[in-house]
């Protein structure tokens, strides 16, 4: 497996709607392994969609249980079918959740959360999301799974599923805020990655 380069805005693939995975084959298996390696390479990252490594397929990975409400105020509610705290202290790679063809089947409530994005380094935006979602998907063995997520976990899943539909955090804010974030991002990229500063 290998660490892949993170695609940054304004790369066109980030605005593409990703296509479903029809079967688990060597290509998809390699993609998942590389995505895991890529997230493991950056301890601050908690999620990744396949199009963020340039592949418009409906695959995401998440460090869904990284935080729990007992130890981190940023997580408003514990998590999913296995509970937010179960993986506390476990090996991070084993804690990662792979979701293939995920879709939200239920949402309710409201939460505003400061979100960053690997494809938008240097900026964060307050995004309004549902506070509770249910997501159905296939796991890496192509078995059906359902996740019932609250708070931080719900935000994380919605953020990654947005990527699969070509929706970015700047698409979730007002045009005034979007313009400000783009200017901030342009400045950040000019200072930190001038070869990619294409805005």
C-alpha atoms as a PDB file:
ATOM      1  CA  UNK A   1       0.000   0.000   0.000  1.00  0.00           C
ATOM      2  CA  UNK A   2       1.052   3.625  -0.336  1.00  0.00           C
ATOM      3  CA  UNK A   3       0.387   7.144   0.861  1.00  0.00           C
ATOM      4  CA  UNK A   4      -1.399   9.082  -1.885  1.00  0.00           C
ATOM      5  CA  UNK A   5      -1.247  12.809  -2.478  1.00  0.00           C
ATOM      6  CA  UNK A   6      -4.240  14.750  -1.160  1.00  0.00           C
ATOM      7  CA  UNK A   7      -6.028  16.621  -3.939  1.00  0.00           C
ATOM      8  CA  UNK A   8      -6.655  20.269  -3.043  1.00  0.00           C
ATOM      9  CA  UNK A   9      -9.154  22.833  -4.268  1.00  0.00           C
ATOM     10  CA  UNK A  10      -9.806  23.796  -7.074  1.00  0.00           C
ATOM     11  CA  UNK A  11      -9.055  20.371  -8.590  1.00  0.00           C
ATOM     12  CA  UNK A  12     -12.077  19.375 -10.744  1.00  0.00           C
ATOM     13  CA  UNK A  13     -12.336  15.880  -9.223  1.00  0.00           C
ATOM     14  CA  UNK A  14     -13.449  17.465  -5.943  1.00  0.00           C
ATOM     15  CA  UNK A  15     -16.606  18.732  -7.654  1.00  0.00           C
ATOM     16  CA  UNK A  16     -17.421  15.440  -9.380  1.00  0.00           C
ATOM     17  CA  UNK A  17     -20.195  13.177  -8.139  1.00  0.00           C
ATOM     18  CA  UNK A  18     -18.500   9.883  -7.316  1.00  0.00           C
ATOM     19  CA  UNK A  19     -19.670   6.632  -8.888  1.00  0.00           C
ATOM     20  CA  UNK A  20     -20.803   3.594  -6.864  1.00  0.00           C
ATOM     21  CA  UNK A  21     -18.559   0.594  -6.308  1.00  0.00           C
ATOM     22  CA  UNK A  22     -20.130  -2.434  -7.992  1.00  0.00           C
ATOM     23  CA  UNK A  23     -17.845  -5.115  -6.563  1.00  0.00           C
ATOM     24  CA  UNK A  24     -14.830  -5.553  -4.329  1.00  0.00           C
ATOM     25  CA  UNK A  25     -11.909  -6.125  -6.659  1.00  0.00           C
ATOM     26  CA  UNK A  26      -8.149  -5.592  -6.490  1.00  0.00           C
ATOM     27  CA  UNK A  27      -8.438  -1.966  -7.601  1.00  0.00           C
ATOM     28  CA  UNK A  28     -10.915  -1.073  -4.846  1.00  0.00           C
ATOM     29  CA  UNK A  29      -8.968  -3.055  -2.254  1.00  0.00           C
ATOM     30  CA  UNK A  30      -5.770  -1.183  -3.162  1.00  0.00           C
ATOM     31  CA  UNK A  31      -7.630   2.132  -3.050  1.00  0.00           C
ATOM     32  CA  UNK A  32      -8.896   1.400   0.463  1.00  0.00           C
ATOM     33  CA  UNK A  33      -5.453   0.322   1.661  1.00  0.00           C
ATOM     34  CA  UNK A  34      -3.869   3.455   0.218  1.00  0.00           C
ATOM     35  CA  UNK A  35      -6.543   5.663   1.774  1.00  0.00           C
ATOM     36  CA  UNK A  36      -5.864   4.079   5.161  1.00  0.00           C
ATOM     37  CA  UNK A  37      -2.127   4.671   4.726  1.00  0.00           C
ATOM     38  CA  UNK A  38      -2.814   8.265   3.710  1.00  0.00           C
ATOM     39  CA  UNK A  39      -4.894   9.007   6.808  1.00  0.00           C
ATOM     40  CA  UNK A  40      -2.425   7.190   9.053  1.00  0.00           C
ATOM     41  CA  UNK A  41       0.303   9.446   7.657  1.00  0.00           C
ATOM     42  CA  UNK A  42      -1.447  12.502   9.160  1.00  0.00           C
ATOM     43  CA  UNK A  43      -2.431  12.013  12.788  1.00  0.00           C
ATOM     44  CA  UNK A  44      -4.744  15.046  12.721  1.00  0.00           C
ATOM     45  CA  UNK A  45      -6.978  13.732   9.948  1.00  0.00           C
ATOM     46  CA  UNK A  46     -10.188  11.941  10.888  1.00  0.00           C
ATOM     47  CA  UNK A  47     -11.692  11.160   7.501  1.00  0.00           C
ATOM     48  CA  UNK A  48     -11.036  10.859   3.801  1.00  0.00           C
ATOM     49  CA  UNK A  49     -13.145  10.414   0.682  1.00  0.00           C
ATOM     50  CA  UNK A  50     -11.774   8.635  -2.375  1.00  0.00           C
ATOM     51  CA  UNK A  51     -12.052  11.705  -4.605  1.00  0.00           C
ATOM     52  CA  UNK A  52      -9.685  13.495  -2.207  1.00  0.00           C
ATOM     53  CA  UNK A  53      -6.985  11.185  -3.548  1.00  0.00           C
ATOM     54  CA  UNK A  54      -8.197  11.718  -7.109  1.00  0.00           C
ATOM     55  CA  UNK A  55     -10.480   8.683  -7.469  1.00  0.00           C
ATOM     56  CA  UNK A  56     -14.206   9.508  -7.893  1.00  0.00           C
ATOM     57  CA  UNK A  57     -15.565   6.320  -6.291  1.00  0.00           C
ATOM     58  CA  UNK A  58     -18.066   6.153  -3.425  1.00  0.00           C
ATOM     59  CA  UNK A  59     -15.636   5.115  -0.691  1.00  0.00           C
ATOM     60  CA  UNK A  60     -14.858   6.893   2.566  1.00  0.00           C
ATOM     61  CA  UNK A  61     -12.804   6.036   5.610  1.00  0.00           C
ATOM     62  CA  UNK A  62     -13.309   7.632   9.009  1.00  0.00           C
ATOM     63  CA  UNK A  63     -11.668   7.626  12.410  1.00  0.00           C
ATOM     64  CA  UNK A  64     -15.226   7.723  13.709  1.00  0.00           C
ATOM     65  CA  UNK A  65     -14.462   6.755  17.290  1.00  0.00           C
ATOM     66  CA  UNK A  66     -11.431   8.982  17.742  1.00  0.00           C
ATOM     67  CA  UNK A  67     -13.220  11.122  20.329  1.00  0.00           C
ATOM     68  CA  UNK A  68     -15.853  10.361  22.913  1.00  0.00           C
ATOM     69  CA  UNK A  69     -17.901  12.665  25.072  1.00  0.00           C
ATOM     70  CA  UNK A  70     -16.165  11.577  28.255  1.00  0.00           C
ATOM     71  CA  UNK A  71     -12.753  12.929  27.278  1.00  0.00           C
ATOM     72  CA  UNK A  72     -13.271  15.496  24.535  1.00  0.00           C
ATOM     73  CA  UNK A  73     -15.712  18.394  24.566  1.00  0.00           C
ATOM     74  CA  UNK A  74     -15.608  18.555  20.766  1.00  0.00           C
ATOM     75  CA  UNK A  75     -17.696  15.393  20.563  1.00  0.00           C
ATOM     76  CA  UNK A  76     -21.321  16.084  21.428  1.00  0.00           C
ATOM     77  CA  UNK A  77     -22.670  12.596  22.015  1.00  0.00           C
ATOM     78  CA  UNK A  78     -21.287   9.126  21.720  1.00  0.00           C
ATOM     79  CA  UNK A  79     -21.305   7.343  18.528  1.00  0.00           C
ATOM     80  CA  UNK A  80     -22.661   4.451  16.597  1.00  0.00           C
ATOM     81  CA  UNK A  81     -23.656   0.871  16.747  1.00  0.00           C
ATOM     82  CA  UNK A  82     -20.625  -0.020  18.887  1.00  0.00           C
ATOM     83  CA  UNK A  83     -20.445   3.142  21.001  1.00  0.00           C
ATOM     84  CA  UNK A  84     -18.037   6.072  20.941  1.00  0.00           C
ATOM     85  CA  UNK A  85     -15.692   4.944  23.703  1.00  0.00           C
ATOM     86  CA  UNK A  86     -15.118   1.309  22.818  1.00  0.00           C
ATOM     87  CA  UNK A  87     -12.002   1.979  20.740  1.00  0.00           C
ATOM     88  CA  UNK A  88     -10.350   4.263  23.276  1.00  0.00           C
ATOM     89  CA  UNK A  89      -6.627   3.497  23.270  1.00  0.00           C
ATOM     90  CA  UNK A  90      -6.914   0.898  20.497  1.00  0.00           C
ATOM     91  CA  UNK A  91      -4.639   0.809  17.493  1.00  0.00           C
ATOM     92  CA  UNK A  92      -5.707   3.649  15.200  1.00  0.00           C
ATOM     93  CA  UNK A  93      -5.683   1.605  12.013  1.00  0.00           C
ATOM     94  CA  UNK A  94      -7.988  -0.988  13.582  1.00  0.00           C
ATOM     95  CA  UNK A  95     -10.274   1.829  14.701  1.00  0.00           C
ATOM     96  CA  UNK A  96     -10.748   3.119  11.144  1.00  0.00           C
ATOM     97  CA  UNK A  97     -14.146   2.537   9.561  1.00  0.00           C
ATOM     98  CA  UNK A  98     -14.376   1.831   5.814  1.00  0.00           C
ATOM     99  CA  UNK A  99     -17.720   2.639   4.188  1.00  0.00           C
ATOM    100  CA  UNK A 100     -18.518   1.773   0.584  1.00  0.00           C
ATOM    101  CA  UNK A 101     -21.518   3.343  -1.187  1.00  0.00           C
ATOM    102  CA  UNK A 102     -22.666   5.085   2.011  1.00  0.00           C
ATOM    103  CA  UNK A 103     -25.960   6.944   2.121  1.00  0.00           C
ATOM    104  CA  UNK A 104     -27.855   8.805   4.813  1.00  0.00           C
ATOM    105  CA  UNK A 105     -31.205   7.166   5.581  1.00  0.00           C
ATOM    106  CA  UNK A 106     -32.267   9.389   8.488  1.00  0.00           C
ATOM    107  CA  UNK A 107     -31.334  12.776   9.899  1.00  0.00           C
ATOM    108  CA  UNK A 108     -32.635  15.045  12.637  1.00  0.00           C
ATOM    109  CA  UNK A 109     -31.596  17.862  14.929  1.00  0.00           C
ATOM    110  CA  UNK A 110     -29.094  20.608  14.300  1.00  0.00           C
ATOM    111  CA  UNK A 111     -25.478  21.274  15.226  1.00  0.00           C
ATOM    112  CA  UNK A 112     -23.024  23.959  14.136  1.00  0.00           C
ATOM    113  CA  UNK A 113     -19.476  22.684  14.007  1.00  0.00           C
ATOM    114  CA  UNK A 114     -16.163  24.237  12.986  1.00  0.00           C
ATOM    115  CA  UNK A 115     -14.974  22.035  10.123  1.00  0.00           C
ATOM    116  CA  UNK A 116     -11.618  21.829   8.401  1.00  0.00           C
ATOM    117  CA  UNK A 117     -10.762  19.806   5.329  1.00  0.00           C
ATOM    118  CA  UNK A 118      -7.621  18.149   3.995  1.00  0.00           C
ATOM    119  CA  UNK A 119      -8.526  19.482   0.553  1.00  0.00           C
ATOM    120  CA  UNK A 120      -8.833  23.018   1.953  1.00  0.00           C
ATOM    121  CA  UNK A 121      -5.747  23.371   4.161  1.00  0.00           C
ATOM    122  CA  UNK A 122      -5.498  26.493   6.243  1.00  0.00           C
ATOM    123  CA  UNK A 123      -9.196  27.269   6.625  1.00  0.00           C
ATOM    124  CA  UNK A 124     -12.112  26.239   8.814  1.00  0.00           C
ATOM    125  CA  UNK A 125     -15.793  27.086   8.513  1.00  0.00           C
ATOM    126  CA  UNK A 126     -18.767  26.851  10.841  1.00  0.00           C
ATOM    127  CA  UNK A 127     -21.185  24.487   9.106  1.00  0.00           C
ATOM    128  CA  UNK A 128     -24.760  23.674  10.125  1.00  0.00           C
ATOM    129  CA  UNK A 129     -25.426  19.934  10.036  1.00  0.00           C
ATOM    130  CA  UNK A 130     -27.896  17.395  11.373  1.00  0.00           C
ATOM    131  CA  UNK A 131     -26.967  16.351  14.908  1.00  0.00           C
ATOM    132  CA  UNK A 132     -28.144  12.755  14.405  1.00  0.00           C
ATOM    133  CA  UNK A 133     -27.852  10.649  11.263  1.00  0.00           C
ATOM    134  CA  UNK A 134     -28.197   7.038  10.266  1.00  0.00           C
ATOM    135  CA  UNK A 135     -25.992   5.820   7.443  1.00  0.00           C
ATOM    136  CA  UNK A 136     -26.191   2.535   5.588  1.00  0.00           C
ATOM    137  CA  UNK A 137     -23.228   1.253   3.586  1.00  0.00           C
ATOM    138  CA  UNK A 138     -21.089  -1.758   2.775  1.00  0.00           C
ATOM    139  CA  UNK A 139     -17.971  -2.542   4.775  1.00  0.00           C
ATOM    140  CA  UNK A 140     -14.636  -3.530   3.258  1.00  0.00           C
ATOM    141  CA  UNK A 141     -15.839  -7.155   3.066  1.00  0.00           C
ATOM    142  CA  UNK A 142     -18.869  -5.914   1.106  1.00  0.00           C
ATOM    143  CA  UNK A 143     -21.239  -6.734   3.959  1.00  0.00           C
ATOM    144  CA  UNK A 144     -24.086  -4.332   4.788  1.00  0.00           C
ATOM    145  CA  UNK A 145     -23.648  -2.119   7.852  1.00  0.00           C
ATOM    146  CA  UNK A 146     -25.666   0.636   9.473  1.00  0.00           C
ATOM    147  CA  UNK A 147     -24.243   3.392  11.666  1.00  0.00           C
ATOM    148  CA  UNK A 148     -26.303   5.492  14.065  1.00  0.00           C
ATOM    149  CA  UNK A 149     -24.234   8.609  14.739  1.00  0.00           C
ATOM    150  CA  UNK A 150     -24.586  11.703  16.904  1.00  0.00           C
ATOM    151  CA  UNK A 151     -22.674  14.950  17.356  1.00  0.00           C
ATOM    152  CA  UNK A 152     -19.083  14.830  16.107  1.00  0.00           C
ATOM    153  CA  UNK A 153     -19.586  11.429  14.489  1.00  0.00           C
ATOM    154  CA  UNK A 154     -22.669  12.678  12.614  1.00  0.00           C
ATOM    155  CA  UNK A 155     -20.782  15.758  11.425  1.00  0.00           C
ATOM    156  CA  UNK A 156     -17.851  13.657  10.236  1.00  0.00           C
ATOM    157  CA  UNK A 157     -20.059  11.310   8.234  1.00  0.00           C
ATOM    158  CA  UNK A 158     -21.976  14.174   6.621  1.00  0.00           C
ATOM    159  CA  UNK A 159     -18.722  15.941   5.711  1.00  0.00           C
ATOM    160  CA  UNK A 160     -17.303  12.852   3.986  1.00  0.00           C
ATOM    161  CA  UNK A 161     -20.570  12.014   2.228  1.00  0.00           C
ATOM    162  CA  UNK A 162     -20.682  15.594   0.917  1.00  0.00           C
ATOM    163  CA  UNK A 163     -17.323  14.932  -0.753  1.00  0.00           C
ATOM    164  CA  UNK A 164     -18.809  11.971  -2.627  1.00  0.00           C
ATOM    165  CA  UNK A 165     -21.425  14.309  -4.098  1.00  0.00           C
ATOM    166  CA  UNK A 166     -18.910  17.008  -5.025  1.00  0.00           C
ATOM    167  CA  UNK A 167     -20.017  19.295  -2.196  1.00  0.00           C
ATOM    168  CA  UNK A 168     -17.301  21.200  -0.321  1.00  0.00           C
ATOM    169  CA  UNK A 169     -17.378  23.142   2.928  1.00  0.00           C
ATOM    170  CA  UNK A 170     -17.356  26.428   1.017  1.00  0.00           C
ATOM    171  CA  UNK A 171     -20.595  25.307  -0.647  1.00  0.00           C
ATOM    172  CA  UNK A 172     -22.235  25.182   2.790  1.00  0.00           C
ATOM    173  CA  UNK A 173     -21.679  28.849   3.691  1.00  0.00           C
ATOM    174  CA  UNK A 174     -23.032  32.178   2.455  1.00  0.00           C
ATOM    175  CA  UNK A 175     -21.470  33.761  -0.628  1.00  0.00           C
ATOM    176  CA  UNK A 176     -19.934  36.465   1.582  1.00  0.00           C
ATOM    177  CA  UNK A 177     -18.285  33.883   3.837  1.00  0.00           C
ATOM    178  CA  UNK A 178     -17.287  31.832   0.787  1.00  0.00           C
ATOM    179  CA  UNK A 179     -15.491  34.778  -0.764  1.00  0.00           C
ATOM    180  CA  UNK A 180     -13.642  35.458   2.481  1.00  0.00           C
ATOM    181  CA  UNK A 181     -12.627  31.795   2.865  1.00  0.00           C
ATOM    182  CA  UNK A 182     -11.388  31.641  -0.726  1.00  0.00           C
ATOM    183  CA  UNK A 183      -9.194  34.695  -0.147  1.00  0.00           C
ATOM    184  CA  UNK A 184      -7.827  33.186   3.057  1.00  0.00           C
ATOM    185  CA  UNK A 185      -7.203  29.881   1.303  1.00  0.00           C
ATOM    186  CA  UNK A 186      -5.492  31.592  -1.645  1.00  0.00           C
ATOM    187  CA  UNK A 187      -3.159  33.399   0.737  1.00  0.00           C
ATOM    188  CA  UNK A 188      -2.412  30.188   2.634  1.00  0.00           C
ATOM    189  CA  UNK A 189      -1.606  28.275  -0.549  1.00  0.00           C
ATOM    190  CA  UNK A 190       0.575  31.104  -1.902  1.00  0.00           C
ATOM    191  CA  UNK A 191       2.628  30.985   1.291  1.00  0.00           C
ATOM    192  CA  UNK A 192       2.713  27.219   1.843  1.00  0.00           C
ATOM    193  CA  UNK A 193       2.257  25.576  -1.568  1.00  0.00           C
ATOM    194  CA  UNK A 194       2.985  28.162  -4.269  1.00  0.00           C
ATOM    195  CA  UNK A 195       3.129  25.508  -7.012  1.00  0.00           C
ATOM    196  CA  UNK A 196      -0.529  24.692  -6.260  1.00  0.00           C
ATOM    197  CA  UNK A 197      -1.779  28.266  -5.828  1.00  0.00           C
ATOM    198  CA  UNK A 198      -3.948  28.334  -8.951  1.00  0.00           C
ATOM    199  CA  UNK A 199      -6.908  30.422  -7.781  1.00  0.00           C
END
